[in-house]
Amino acid sequence: MSDSISDKLFTIRFKCDDVSHLIIKEHANCLQCVKKDCNYFCPADVYEWEKKQKMTTVAYENCIECGTCRIACPYDNIEWVYPKGGHGITYKFG
């Protein structure tokens, strides 16, 4: 029996900061991006393209700090840093 991604994400806790540790450097670059890769490579669904607003939204509260976004964006347009002390991901098991 395999657990879904949602089930696995439930086993972690994120102490949310008031300020995002994930920043879209230049929203104009997102407009140029045809594939919108960040909507697919993030295992925690942090990034979502908003068609009406013509921008990528960032749900940093979902971040599991894997670092994929900092290397997978074809425009190197995502600034990723560890959340400041006391904030971020905590794993319940392990």
PDB file of N, CA and C in Angstrom:
ATOM      1  N   MET A   1       0.844  -1.181   0.000  1.00  0.00           N
ATOM      2  CA  MET A   1       0.000   0.000   0.000  1.00  0.00           C
ATOM      3  C   MET A   1       0.889   1.245   0.000  1.00  0.00           C
ATOM      4  N   SER A   2       0.721   2.085  -0.974  1.00  0.00           N
ATOM      5  CA  SER A   2       1.560   3.285  -1.034  1.00  0.00           C
ATOM      6  C   SER A   2       0.755   4.497  -0.574  1.00  0.00           C
ATOM      7  N   ASP A   3       1.434   5.370   0.119  1.00  0.00           N
ATOM      8  CA  ASP A   3       0.805   6.603   0.582  1.00  0.00           C
ATOM      9  C   ASP A   3       0.869   7.646  -0.520  1.00  0.00           C
ATOM     10  N   SER A   4      -0.136   8.489  -0.562  1.00  0.00           N
ATOM     11  CA  SER A   4      -0.122   9.577  -1.533  1.00  0.00           C
ATOM     12  C   SER A   4       0.816  10.679  -1.046  1.00  0.00           C
ATOM     13  N   ILE A   5       1.160  11.578  -1.941  1.00  0.00           N
ATOM     14  CA  ILE A   5       1.996  12.723  -1.574  1.00  0.00           C
ATOM     15  C   ILE A   5       1.325  13.497  -0.445  1.00  0.00           C
ATOM     16  N   SER A   6       0.022  13.694  -0.543  1.00  0.00           N
ATOM     17  CA  SER A   6      -0.702  14.430   0.499  1.00  0.00           C
ATOM     18  C   SER A   6      -0.568  13.753   1.855  1.00  0.00           C
ATOM     19  N   ASP A   7      -0.644  12.418   1.868  1.00  0.00           N
ATOM     20  CA  ASP A   7      -0.486  11.678   3.126  1.00  0.00           C
ATOM     21  C   ASP A   7       0.911  11.876   3.699  1.00  0.00           C
ATOM     22  N   LYS A   8       1.908  11.857   2.841  1.00  0.00           N
ATOM     23  CA  LYS A   8       3.282  12.029   3.298  1.00  0.00           C
ATOM     24  C   LYS A   8       3.534  13.455   3.785  1.00  0.00           C
ATOM     25  N   LEU A   9       2.947  14.435   3.113  1.00  0.00           N
ATOM     26  CA  LEU A   9       3.098  15.825   3.546  1.00  0.00           C
ATOM     27  C   LEU A   9       2.447  16.059   4.905  1.00  0.00           C
ATOM     28  N   PHE A  10       1.462  15.244   5.235  1.00  0.00           N
ATOM     29  CA  PHE A  10       0.796  15.363   6.534  1.00  0.00           C
ATOM     30  C   PHE A  10       1.732  14.989   7.684  1.00  0.00           C
ATOM     31  N   THR A  11       2.796  14.242   7.393  1.00  0.00           N
ATOM     32  CA  THR A  11       3.715  13.806   8.452  1.00  0.00           C
ATOM     33  C   THR A  11       4.763  14.864   8.800  1.00  0.00           C
ATOM     34  N   ILE A  12       4.665  16.041   8.215  1.00  0.00           N
ATOM     35  CA  ILE A  12       5.611  17.104   8.531  1.00  0.00           C
ATOM     36  C   ILE A  12       4.867  18.308   9.106  1.00  0.00           C
ATOM     37  N   ARG A  13       5.609  19.148   9.779  1.00  0.00           N
ATOM     38  CA  ARG A  13       5.029  20.363  10.347  1.00  0.00           C
ATOM     39  C   ARG A  13       5.882  21.539   9.893  1.00  0.00           C
ATOM     40  N   PHE A  14       5.242  22.620   9.567  1.00  0.00           N
ATOM     41  CA  PHE A  14       5.954  23.812   9.133  1.00  0.00           C
ATOM     42  C   PHE A  14       5.571  24.945  10.058  1.00  0.00           C
ATOM     43  N   LYS A  15       6.550  25.487  10.765  1.00  0.00           N
ATOM     44  CA  LYS A  15       6.306  26.664  11.596  1.00  0.00           C
ATOM     45  C   LYS A  15       6.519  27.871  10.691  1.00  0.00           C
ATOM     46  N   CYS A  16       5.429  28.504  10.368  1.00  0.00           N
ATOM     47  CA  CYS A  16       5.425  29.541   9.354  1.00  0.00           C
ATOM     48  C   CYS A  16       5.938  30.878   9.890  1.00  0.00           C
ATOM     49  N   ASP A  17       6.820  31.484   9.133  1.00  0.00           N
ATOM     50  CA  ASP A  17       7.300  32.830   9.417  1.00  0.00           C
ATOM     51  C   ASP A  17       6.332  33.823   8.766  1.00  0.00           C
ATOM     52  N   ASP A  18       6.427  35.072   9.131  1.00  0.00           N
ATOM     53  CA  ASP A  18       5.596  36.108   8.522  1.00  0.00           C
ATOM     54  C   ASP A  18       6.114  36.521   7.144  1.00  0.00           C
ATOM     55  N   VAL A  19       7.368  36.191   6.867  1.00  0.00           N
ATOM     56  CA  VAL A  19       8.011  36.587   5.618  1.00  0.00           C
ATOM     57  C   VAL A  19       8.427  35.329   4.848  1.00  0.00           C
ATOM     58  N   SER A  20       8.153  35.317   3.571  1.00  0.00           N
ATOM     59  CA  SER A  20       8.497  34.171   2.735  1.00  0.00           C
ATOM     60  C   SER A  20      10.009  34.020   2.583  1.00  0.00           C
ATOM     61  N   HIS A  21      10.474  32.773   2.607  1.00  0.00           N
ATOM     62  CA  HIS A  21      11.883  32.477   2.337  1.00  0.00           C
ATOM     63  C   HIS A  21      12.082  32.126   0.860  1.00  0.00           C
ATOM     64  N   LEU A  22      11.002  32.187   0.095  1.00  0.00           N
ATOM     65  CA  LEU A  22      11.002  31.924  -1.344  1.00  0.00           C
ATOM     66  C   LEU A  22      10.533  33.186  -2.052  1.00  0.00           C
ATOM     67  N   ILE A  23      11.345  33.698  -2.957  1.00  0.00           N
ATOM     68  CA  ILE A  23      11.020  34.960  -3.613  1.00  0.00           C
ATOM     69  C   ILE A  23      11.178  34.823  -5.119  1.00  0.00           C
ATOM     70  N   ILE A  24      10.154  35.232  -5.844  1.00  0.00           N
ATOM     71  CA  ILE A  24      10.262  35.347  -7.299  1.00  0.00           C
ATOM     72  C   ILE A  24      11.042  36.628  -7.552  1.00  0.00           C
ATOM     73  N   LYS A  25      12.221  36.497  -8.141  1.00  0.00           N
ATOM     74  CA  LYS A  25      13.097  37.658  -8.325  1.00  0.00           C
ATOM     75  C   LYS A  25      12.490  38.690  -9.272  1.00  0.00           C
ATOM     76  N   GLU A  26      11.987  38.230 -10.396  1.00  0.00           N
ATOM     77  CA  GLU A  26      11.479  39.137 -11.423  1.00  0.00           C
ATOM     78  C   GLU A  26      10.234  38.515 -12.048  1.00  0.00           C
ATOM     79  N   HIS A  27       9.054  39.061 -11.740  1.00  0.00           N
ATOM     80  CA  HIS A  27       7.807  38.488 -12.258  1.00  0.00           C
ATOM     81  C   HIS A  27       7.729  38.551 -13.785  1.00  0.00           C
ATOM     82  N   ALA A  28       8.438  39.476 -14.387  1.00  0.00           N
ATOM     83  CA  ALA A  28       8.456  39.559 -15.857  1.00  0.00           C
ATOM     84  C   ALA A  28       9.047  38.288 -16.471  1.00  0.00           C
ATOM     85  N   ASN A  29       9.986  37.658 -15.790  1.00  0.00           N
ATOM     86  CA  ASN A  29      10.560  36.402 -16.292  1.00  0.00           C
ATOM     87  C   ASN A  29       9.516  35.297 -16.322  1.00  0.00           C
ATOM     88  N   CYS A  30       8.598  35.311 -15.384  1.00  0.00           N
ATOM     89  CA  CYS A  30       7.534  34.306 -15.370  1.00  0.00           C
ATOM     90  C   CYS A  30       6.621  34.449 -16.578  1.00  0.00           C
ATOM     91  N   LEU A  31       6.433  35.684 -17.037  1.00  0.00           N
ATOM     92  CA  LEU A  31       5.618  35.918 -18.233  1.00  0.00           C
ATOM     93  C   LEU A  31       6.272  35.309 -19.467  1.00  0.00           C
ATOM     94  N   GLN A  32       7.602  35.324 -19.518  1.00  0.00           N
ATOM     95  CA  GLN A  32       8.342  34.765 -20.658  1.00  0.00           C
ATOM     96  C   GLN A  32       8.373  33.247 -20.637  1.00  0.00           C
ATOM     97  N   CYS A  33       8.243  32.664 -19.467  1.00  0.00           N
ATOM     98  CA  CYS A  33       8.357  31.217 -19.311  1.00  0.00           C
ATOM     99  C   CYS A  33       7.142  30.527 -19.935  1.00  0.00           C
ATOM    100  N   VAL A  34       7.380  29.715 -20.932  1.00  0.00           N
ATOM    101  CA  VAL A  34       6.294  29.062 -21.659  1.00  0.00           C
ATOM    102  C   VAL A  34       5.725  27.874 -20.884  1.00  0.00           C
ATOM    103  N   LYS A  35       6.595  27.045 -20.324  1.00  0.00           N
ATOM    104  CA  LYS A  35       6.153  25.799 -19.682  1.00  0.00           C
ATOM    105  C   LYS A  35       5.672  25.967 -18.248  1.00  0.00           C
ATOM    106  N   LYS A  36       6.093  27.026 -17.572  1.00  0.00           N
ATOM    107  CA  LYS A  36       5.757  27.245 -16.164  1.00  0.00           C
ATOM    108  C   LYS A  36       6.186  26.037 -15.331  1.00  0.00           C
ATOM    109  N   ASP A  37       7.449  25.649 -15.497  1.00  0.00           N
ATOM    110  CA  ASP A  37       8.005  24.459 -14.853  1.00  0.00           C
ATOM    111  C   ASP A  37       7.796  24.414 -13.343  1.00  0.00           C
ATOM    112  N   CYS A  38       7.857  25.564 -12.681  1.00  0.00           N
ATOM    113  CA  CYS A  38       7.741  25.569 -11.218  1.00  0.00           C
ATOM    114  C   CYS A  38       6.396  25.031 -10.745  1.00  0.00           C
ATOM    115  N   ASN A  39       5.390  25.056 -11.602  1.00  0.00           N
ATOM    116  CA  ASN A  39       4.092  24.511 -11.251  1.00  0.00           C
ATOM    117  C   ASN A  39       4.105  22.986 -11.180  1.00  0.00           C
ATOM    118  N   TYR A  40       5.175  22.378 -11.705  1.00  0.00           N
ATOM    119  CA  TYR A  40       5.239  20.920 -11.791  1.00  0.00           C
ATOM    120  C   TYR A  40       6.394  20.298 -11.020  1.00  0.00           C
ATOM    121  N   PHE A  41       7.537  20.962 -10.927  1.00  0.00           N
ATOM    122  CA  PHE A  41       8.683  20.313 -10.283  1.00  0.00           C
ATOM    123  C   PHE A  41       8.630  20.343  -8.761  1.00  0.00           C
ATOM    124  N   CYS A  42       7.870  21.219  -8.177  1.00  0.00           N
ATOM    125  CA  CYS A  42       7.803  21.303  -6.713  1.00  0.00           C
ATOM    126  C   CYS A  42       6.909  20.194  -6.165  1.00  0.00           C
ATOM    127  N   PRO A  43       7.457  19.330  -5.299  1.00  0.00           N
ATOM    128  CA  PRO A  43       6.650  18.222  -4.769  1.00  0.00           C
ATOM    129  C   PRO A  43       5.580  18.680  -3.781  1.00  0.00           C
ATOM    130  N   ALA A  44       5.646  19.915  -3.308  1.00  0.00           N
ATOM    131  CA  ALA A  44       4.690  20.403  -2.322  1.00  0.00           C
ATOM    132  C   ALA A  44       3.712  21.430  -2.909  1.00  0.00           C
ATOM    133  N   ASP A  45       3.686  21.568  -4.214  1.00  0.00           N
ATOM    134  CA  ASP A  45       2.767  22.497  -4.893  1.00  0.00           C
ATOM    135  C   ASP A  45       2.850  23.916  -4.339  1.00  0.00           C
ATOM    136  N   VAL A  46       4.055  24.408  -4.173  1.00  0.00           N
ATOM    137  CA  VAL A  46       4.260  25.764  -3.650  1.00  0.00           C
ATOM    138  C   VAL A  46       3.938  26.815  -4.708  1.00  0.00           C
ATOM    139  N   TYR A  47       4.222  26.538  -5.960  1.00  0.00           N
ATOM    140  CA  TYR A  47       4.097  27.538  -7.025  1.00  0.00           C
ATOM    141  C   TYR A  47       2.855  27.286  -7.863  1.00  0.00           C
ATOM    142  N   GLU A  48       2.156  28.381  -8.202  1.00  0.00           N
ATOM    143  CA  GLU A  48       0.974  28.260  -9.048  1.00  0.00           C
ATOM    144  C   GLU A  48       0.871  29.489  -9.938  1.00  0.00           C
ATOM    145  N   TRP A  49       0.674  29.260 -11.221  1.00  0.00           N
ATOM    146  CA  TRP A  49       0.513  30.351 -12.173  1.00  0.00           C
ATOM    147  C   TRP A  49      -0.929  30.846 -12.114  1.00  0.00           C
ATOM    148  N   GLU A  50      -1.094  32.122 -11.836  1.00  0.00           N
ATOM    149  CA  GLU A  50      -2.411  32.757 -11.794  1.00  0.00           C
ATOM    150  C   GLU A  50      -2.640  33.469 -13.120  1.00  0.00           C
ATOM    151  N   LYS A  51      -3.502  32.899 -13.942  1.00  0.00           N
ATOM    152  CA  LYS A  51      -3.735  33.452 -15.288  1.00  0.00           C
ATOM    153  C   LYS A  51      -4.295  34.870 -15.248  1.00  0.00           C
ATOM    154  N   LYS A  52      -5.261  35.118 -14.370  1.00  0.00           N
ATOM    155  CA  LYS A  52      -5.882  36.443 -14.316  1.00  0.00           C
ATOM    156  C   LYS A  52      -4.876  37.517 -13.903  1.00  0.00           C
ATOM    157  N   GLN A  53      -4.048  37.213 -12.907  1.00  0.00           N
ATOM    158  CA  GLN A  53      -3.065  38.182 -12.408  1.00  0.00           C
ATOM    159  C   GLN A  53      -1.775  38.170 -13.225  1.00  0.00           C
ATOM    160  N   LYS A  54      -1.626  37.146 -14.066  1.00  0.00           N
ATOM    161  CA  LYS A  54      -0.422  36.956 -14.882  1.00  0.00           C
ATOM    162  C   LYS A  54       0.840  36.976 -14.033  1.00  0.00           C
ATOM    163  N   MET A  55       0.808  36.140 -12.981  1.00  0.00           N
ATOM    164  CA  MET A  55       1.969  36.031 -12.113  1.00  0.00           C
ATOM    165  C   MET A  55       1.963  34.683 -11.393  1.00  0.00           C
ATOM    166  N   THR A  56       3.121  34.294 -10.913  1.00  0.00           N
ATOM    167  CA  THR A  56       3.263  33.069 -10.142  1.00  0.00           C
ATOM    168  C   THR A  56       3.075  33.402  -8.673  1.00  0.00           C
ATOM    169  N   THR A  57       2.176  32.683  -8.023  1.00  0.00           N
ATOM    170  CA  THR A  57       2.002  32.859  -6.585  1.00  0.00           C
ATOM    171  C   THR A  57       2.860  31.830  -5.861  1.00  0.00           C
ATOM    172  N   VAL A  58       3.255  32.168  -4.648  1.00  0.00           N
ATOM    173  CA  VAL A  58       4.145  31.325  -3.858  1.00  0.00           C
ATOM    174  C   VAL A  58       3.480  31.026  -2.520  1.00  0.00           C
ATOM    175  N   ALA A  59       3.128  29.763  -2.310  1.00  0.00           N
ATOM    176  CA  ALA A  59       2.561  29.321  -1.033  1.00  0.00           C
ATOM    177  C   ALA A  59       3.701  28.750  -0.187  1.00  0.00           C
ATOM    178  N   TYR A  60       4.568  29.635   0.307  1.00  0.00           N
ATOM    179  CA  TYR A  60       5.778  29.204   1.024  1.00  0.00           C
ATOM    180  C   TYR A  60       5.469  28.382   2.262  1.00  0.00           C
ATOM    181  N   GLU A  61       4.256  28.471   2.749  1.00  0.00           N
ATOM    182  CA  GLU A  61       3.851  27.700   3.925  1.00  0.00           C
ATOM    183  C   GLU A  61       3.883  26.194   3.661  1.00  0.00           C
ATOM    184  N   ASN A  62       3.809  25.807   2.377  1.00  0.00           N
ATOM    185  CA  ASN A  62       3.826  24.388   2.004  1.00  0.00           C
ATOM    186  C   ASN A  62       5.230  23.844   1.778  1.00  0.00           C
ATOM    187  N   CYS A  63       6.228  24.694   1.755  1.00  0.00           N
ATOM    188  CA  CYS A  63       7.589  24.311   1.367  1.00  0.00           C
ATOM    189  C   CYS A  63       8.173  23.235   2.281  1.00  0.00           C
ATOM    190  N   ILE A  64       8.767  22.210   1.669  1.00  0.00           N
ATOM    191  CA  ILE A  64       9.422  21.148   2.443  1.00  0.00           C
ATOM    192  C   ILE A  64      10.942  21.287   2.397  1.00  0.00           C
ATOM    193  N   GLU A  65      11.414  22.436   1.922  1.00  0.00           N
ATOM    194  CA  GLU A  65      12.835  22.799   1.926  1.00  0.00           C
ATOM    195  C   GLU A  65      13.724  21.802   1.188  1.00  0.00           C
ATOM    196  N   CYS A  66      13.221  21.276   0.078  1.00  0.00           N
ATOM    197  CA  CYS A  66      14.019  20.331  -0.700  1.00  0.00           C
ATOM    198  C   CYS A  66      15.038  21.040  -1.586  1.00  0.00           C
ATOM    199  N   GLY A  67      14.781  22.314  -1.936  1.00  0.00           N
ATOM    200  CA  GLY A  67      15.712  23.091  -2.745  1.00  0.00           C
ATOM    201  C   GLY A  67      15.569  22.900  -4.246  1.00  0.00           C
ATOM    202  N   THR A  68      14.610  22.117  -4.677  1.00  0.00           N
ATOM    203  CA  THR A  68      14.422  21.865  -6.105  1.00  0.00           C
ATOM    204  C   THR A  68      14.229  23.158  -6.884  1.00  0.00           C
ATOM    205  N   CYS A  69      13.457  24.069  -6.342  1.00  0.00           N
ATOM    206  CA  CYS A  69      13.148  25.303  -7.077  1.00  0.00           C
ATOM    207  C   CYS A  69      14.380  26.160  -7.334  1.00  0.00           C
ATOM    208  N   ARG A  70      15.350  26.088  -6.451  1.00  0.00           N
ATOM    209  CA  ARG A  70      16.518  26.949  -6.630  1.00  0.00           C
ATOM    210  C   ARG A  70      17.394  26.481  -7.785  1.00  0.00           C
ATOM    211  N   ILE A  71      17.254  25.218  -8.195  1.00  0.00           N
ATOM    212  CA  ILE A  71      18.061  24.734  -9.313  1.00  0.00           C
ATOM    213  C   ILE A  71      17.244  24.409 -10.562  1.00  0.00           C
ATOM    214  N   ALA A  72      15.928  24.254 -10.432  1.00  0.00           N
ATOM    215  CA  ALA A  72      15.131  23.790 -11.570  1.00  0.00           C
ATOM    216  C   ALA A  72      14.504  24.899 -12.397  1.00  0.00           C
ATOM    217  N   CYS A  73      14.410  26.090 -11.865  1.00  0.00           N
ATOM    218  CA  CYS A  73      13.820  27.185 -12.640  1.00  0.00           C
ATOM    219  C   CYS A  73      14.745  27.516 -13.815  1.00  0.00           C
ATOM    220  N   PRO A  74      14.237  27.435 -15.051  1.00  0.00           N
ATOM    221  CA  PRO A  74      15.098  27.674 -16.213  1.00  0.00           C
ATOM    222  C   PRO A  74      15.608  29.116 -16.304  1.00  0.00           C
ATOM    223  N   TYR A  75      14.980  30.039 -15.593  1.00  0.00           N
ATOM    224  CA  TYR A  75      15.400  31.440 -15.601  1.00  0.00           C
ATOM    225  C   TYR A  75      16.165  31.827 -14.340  1.00  0.00           C
ATOM    226  N   ASP A  76      16.438  30.851 -13.468  1.00  0.00           N
ATOM    227  CA  ASP A  76      17.112  31.118 -12.195  1.00  0.00           C
ATOM    228  C   ASP A  76      16.418  32.300 -11.508  1.00  0.00           C
ATOM    229  N   ASN A  77      15.093  32.211 -11.452  1.00  0.00           N
ATOM    230  CA  ASN A  77      14.273  33.330 -11.027  1.00  0.00           C
ATOM    231  C   ASN A  77      13.707  33.174  -9.617  1.00  0.00           C
ATOM    232  N   ILE A  78      14.101  32.107  -8.926  1.00  0.00           N
ATOM    233  CA  ILE A  78      13.587  31.882  -7.579  1.00  0.00           C
ATOM    234  C   ILE A  78      14.728  31.999  -6.581  1.00  0.00           C
ATOM    235  N   GLU A  79      14.573  32.914  -5.646  1.00  0.00           N
ATOM    236  CA  GLU A  79      15.548  33.046  -4.564  1.00  0.00           C
ATOM    237  C   GLU A  79      15.066  32.179  -3.401  1.00  0.00           C
ATOM    238  N   TRP A  80      15.928  31.269  -2.967  1.00  0.00           N
ATOM    239  CA  TRP A  80      15.583  30.316  -1.912  1.00  0.00           C
ATOM    240  C   TRP A  80      16.629  30.401  -0.815  1.00  0.00           C
ATOM    241  N   VAL A  81      16.172  30.621   0.401  1.00  0.00           N
ATOM    242  CA  VAL A  81      17.057  30.607   1.564  1.00  0.00           C
ATOM    243  C   VAL A  81      16.367  29.790   2.649  1.00  0.00           C
ATOM    244  N   TYR A  82      17.143  29.281   3.592  1.00  0.00           N
ATOM    245  CA  TYR A  82      16.519  28.594   4.713  1.00  0.00           C
ATOM    246  C   TYR A  82      15.707  29.592   5.526  1.00  0.00           C
ATOM    247  N   PRO A  83      14.561  29.168   6.044  1.00  0.00           N
ATOM    248  CA  PRO A  83      13.802  30.073   6.916  1.00  0.00           C
ATOM    249  C   PRO A  83      14.644  30.449   8.131  1.00  0.00           C
ATOM    250  N   LYS A  84      14.397  31.646   8.652  1.00  0.00           N
ATOM    251  CA  LYS A  84      15.201  32.088   9.791  1.00  0.00           C
ATOM    252  C   LYS A  84      14.947  31.201  11.008  1.00  0.00           C
ATOM    253  N   GLY A  85      15.862  31.230  11.939  1.00  0.00           N
ATOM    254  CA  GLY A  85      15.872  30.357  13.108  1.00  0.00           C
ATOM    255  C   GLY A  85      14.523  30.135  13.767  1.00  0.00           C
ATOM    256  N   GLY A  86      14.217  28.870  14.028  1.00  0.00           N
ATOM    257  CA  GLY A  86      12.971  28.508  14.684  1.00  0.00           C
ATOM    258  C   GLY A  86      11.795  28.325  13.751  1.00  0.00           C
ATOM    259  N   HIS A  87      11.969  28.666  12.497  1.00  0.00           N
ATOM    260  CA  HIS A  87      10.889  28.517  11.524  1.00  0.00           C
ATOM    261  C   HIS A  87      11.291  27.460  10.502  1.00  0.00           C
ATOM    262  N   GLY A  88      10.306  26.996   9.763  1.00  0.00           N
ATOM    263  CA  GLY A  88      10.582  26.027   8.714  1.00  0.00           C
ATOM    264  C   GLY A  88      10.021  24.660   9.042  1.00  0.00           C
ATOM    265  N   ILE A  89      10.593  23.675   8.413  1.00  0.00           N
ATOM    266  CA  ILE A  89      10.087  22.303   8.428  1.00  0.00           C
ATOM    267  C   ILE A  89      10.527  21.524   9.660  1.00  0.00           C
ATOM    268  N   THR A  90       9.622  20.717  10.193  1.00  0.00           N
ATOM    269  CA  THR A  90       9.942  19.773  11.260  1.00  0.00           C
ATOM    270  C   THR A  90       9.308  18.446  10.854  1.00  0.00           C
ATOM    271  N   TYR A  91      10.119  17.405  10.853  1.00  0.00           N
ATOM    272  CA  TYR A  91       9.601  16.081  10.479  1.00  0.00           C
ATOM    273  C   TYR A  91       9.118  15.354  11.724  1.00  0.00           C
ATOM    274  N   LYS A  92       7.936  14.742  11.646  1.00  0.00           N
ATOM    275  CA  LYS A  92       7.394  14.005  12.784  1.00  0.00           C
ATOM    276  C   LYS A  92       8.064  12.655  12.964  1.00  0.00           C
ATOM    277  N   PHE A  93       8.487  12.043  11.871  1.00  0.00           N
ATOM    278  CA  PHE A  93       9.119  10.719  11.923  1.00  0.00           C
ATOM    279  C   PHE A  93      10.520  10.806  11.354  1.00  0.00           C
ATOM    280  N   GLY A  94      11.522  10.569  12.169  1.00  0.00           N
ATOM    281  CA  GLY A  94      12.878  10.533  11.667  1.00  0.00           C
ATOM    282  C   GLY A  94      13.690  11.739  11.941  1.00  0.00           C
TER     283      GLY A  94
END
